[in-house]
Protein backbone atom coordinates (compact mmCIF):
# COMPACT_ATOMS: atom_id res chain seq x y z
CA MET A 1 -54.36 -21.99 -31.91
CA GLY A 2 -51.31 -20.89 -29.90
CA LYS A 3 -50.85 -17.60 -28.16
CA VAL A 4 -49.75 -14.60 -30.15
CA PRO A 5 -47.01 -12.76 -28.23
CA GLY A 6 -48.30 -9.60 -26.64
CA SER A 7 -51.88 -10.23 -27.70
CA MET A 8 -53.38 -11.99 -24.70
CA GLY A 9 -54.57 -9.99 -21.72
CA ARG A 10 -55.83 -10.79 -18.25
CA PRO A 11 -58.83 -8.82 -17.07
CA ALA A 12 -59.61 -8.39 -13.37
CA GLY A 13 -61.26 -11.85 -13.19
CA GLY A 14 -58.01 -13.57 -14.22
CA SER A 15 -59.31 -15.36 -17.34
CA GLU A 16 -57.48 -14.98 -20.65
CA VAL A 17 -59.02 -12.81 -23.36
CA PRO A 18 -58.39 -14.03 -26.90
CA ALA A 19 -56.48 -11.73 -29.21
CA THR A 20 -58.47 -9.61 -31.58
CA PRO A 21 -58.24 -10.43 -35.28
CA GLU A 22 -56.42 -7.12 -35.83
CA ALA A 23 -53.84 -7.95 -33.12
CA ILE A 24 -53.22 -11.36 -34.68
CA ARG A 25 -52.93 -9.85 -38.17
CA LEU A 26 -50.50 -7.18 -36.92
CA SER A 27 -48.36 -9.81 -35.20
CA VAL A 28 -48.21 -12.01 -38.30
CA MET A 29 -47.48 -9.08 -40.62
CA LYS A 30 -44.69 -7.88 -38.31
CA GLU A 31 -43.13 -11.33 -38.25
CA LEU A 32 -43.22 -11.46 -42.05
CA TRP A 33 -42.21 -7.93 -42.99
CA PHE A 34 -39.98 -6.57 -40.24
CA PRO A 35 -36.96 -8.80 -41.00
CA ILE A 36 -37.09 -7.64 -44.61
CA LEU A 37 -37.57 -3.96 -43.82
CA ARG A 38 -34.93 -3.93 -41.09
CA ASN A 39 -32.38 -5.55 -43.40
CA PHE A 40 -33.00 -2.83 -45.98
CA THR A 41 -32.44 -0.18 -43.33
CA ALA A 42 -29.31 -1.93 -42.07
CA LEU A 43 -27.91 -1.96 -45.60
CA MET A 44 -28.52 1.78 -45.81
CA THR A 45 -25.71 2.25 -43.28
CA GLU A 46 -23.10 0.42 -45.37
CA LYS A 47 -20.02 2.28 -46.56
CA SER A 48 -20.66 1.45 -50.22
CA VAL A 49 -22.78 4.12 -51.89
CA GLU A 50 -24.02 1.52 -54.37
CA VAL A 51 -25.24 -0.77 -51.57
CA ARG A 52 -26.94 2.13 -49.77
CA ASP A 53 -28.64 3.33 -52.95
CA ASN A 54 -29.83 -0.16 -53.85
CA ALA A 55 -31.17 -0.74 -50.33
CA LEU A 56 -33.11 2.53 -50.39
CA GLU A 57 -34.47 1.75 -53.85
CA ALA A 58 -35.53 -1.74 -52.72
CA LEU A 59 -37.23 -0.33 -49.59
CA ILE A 60 -39.15 2.22 -51.65
CA GLN A 61 -40.11 -0.42 -54.22
CA THR A 62 -41.30 -2.74 -51.46
CA PHE A 63 -43.53 -0.01 -50.04
CA ASP A 64 -44.77 0.83 -53.51
CA ASP A 65 -45.60 -2.78 -54.36
CA HIS A 66 -47.01 -3.91 -51.00
CA HIS A 67 -48.36 -0.85 -49.18
CA ALA A 68 -51.96 -1.96 -49.70
CA HIS A 69 -51.31 -5.06 -47.56
CA PHE A 70 -50.20 -2.98 -44.58
CA GLY A 71 -52.93 -1.96 -42.15
CA GLU A 72 -52.87 1.15 -39.99
CA GLY A 73 -51.30 -0.69 -37.05
CA LEU A 74 -48.45 -2.03 -39.16
CA TRP A 75 -47.83 1.39 -40.71
CA ARG A 76 -47.52 2.85 -37.20
CA GLU A 77 -44.94 0.17 -36.36
CA ILE A 78 -43.09 0.77 -39.65
CA PHE A 79 -42.90 4.51 -39.05
CA GLY A 80 -41.75 4.09 -35.46
CA GLN A 81 -39.31 1.20 -35.87
CA VAL A 82 -38.11 1.42 -39.48
CA LEU A 83 -38.49 4.89 -40.98
CA LEU A 84 -37.85 7.15 -37.99
CA PRO A 85 -34.53 5.46 -37.12
CA VAL A 86 -33.40 5.98 -40.72
CA LEU A 87 -34.37 9.64 -40.57
CA GLU A 88 -32.59 10.02 -37.23
CA ASP A 89 -29.39 8.68 -38.82
CA ILE A 90 -29.72 11.23 -41.62
CA ARG A 91 -30.22 14.07 -39.15
CA VAL A 92 -26.94 13.35 -37.35
């Protein structure tokens, strides 16, 4: 198995420590879901109200349909990298 980016560490002895199953799962889930979620959020900045509304509806529907597949680590990433930036744009 290859290395998972950001999941291998080097303790004081210098040998590599294999990634935990949770770190591997988080990495895979991010690679699968983040392009989709980020595209929805990018579409929410379009000038067309119809495009923005459809993107928001699709994002909500995606969360509604797939939230059970997201672990705590992925939800933290989603809040920090997907939802908070959207809320920041609304605040401005």
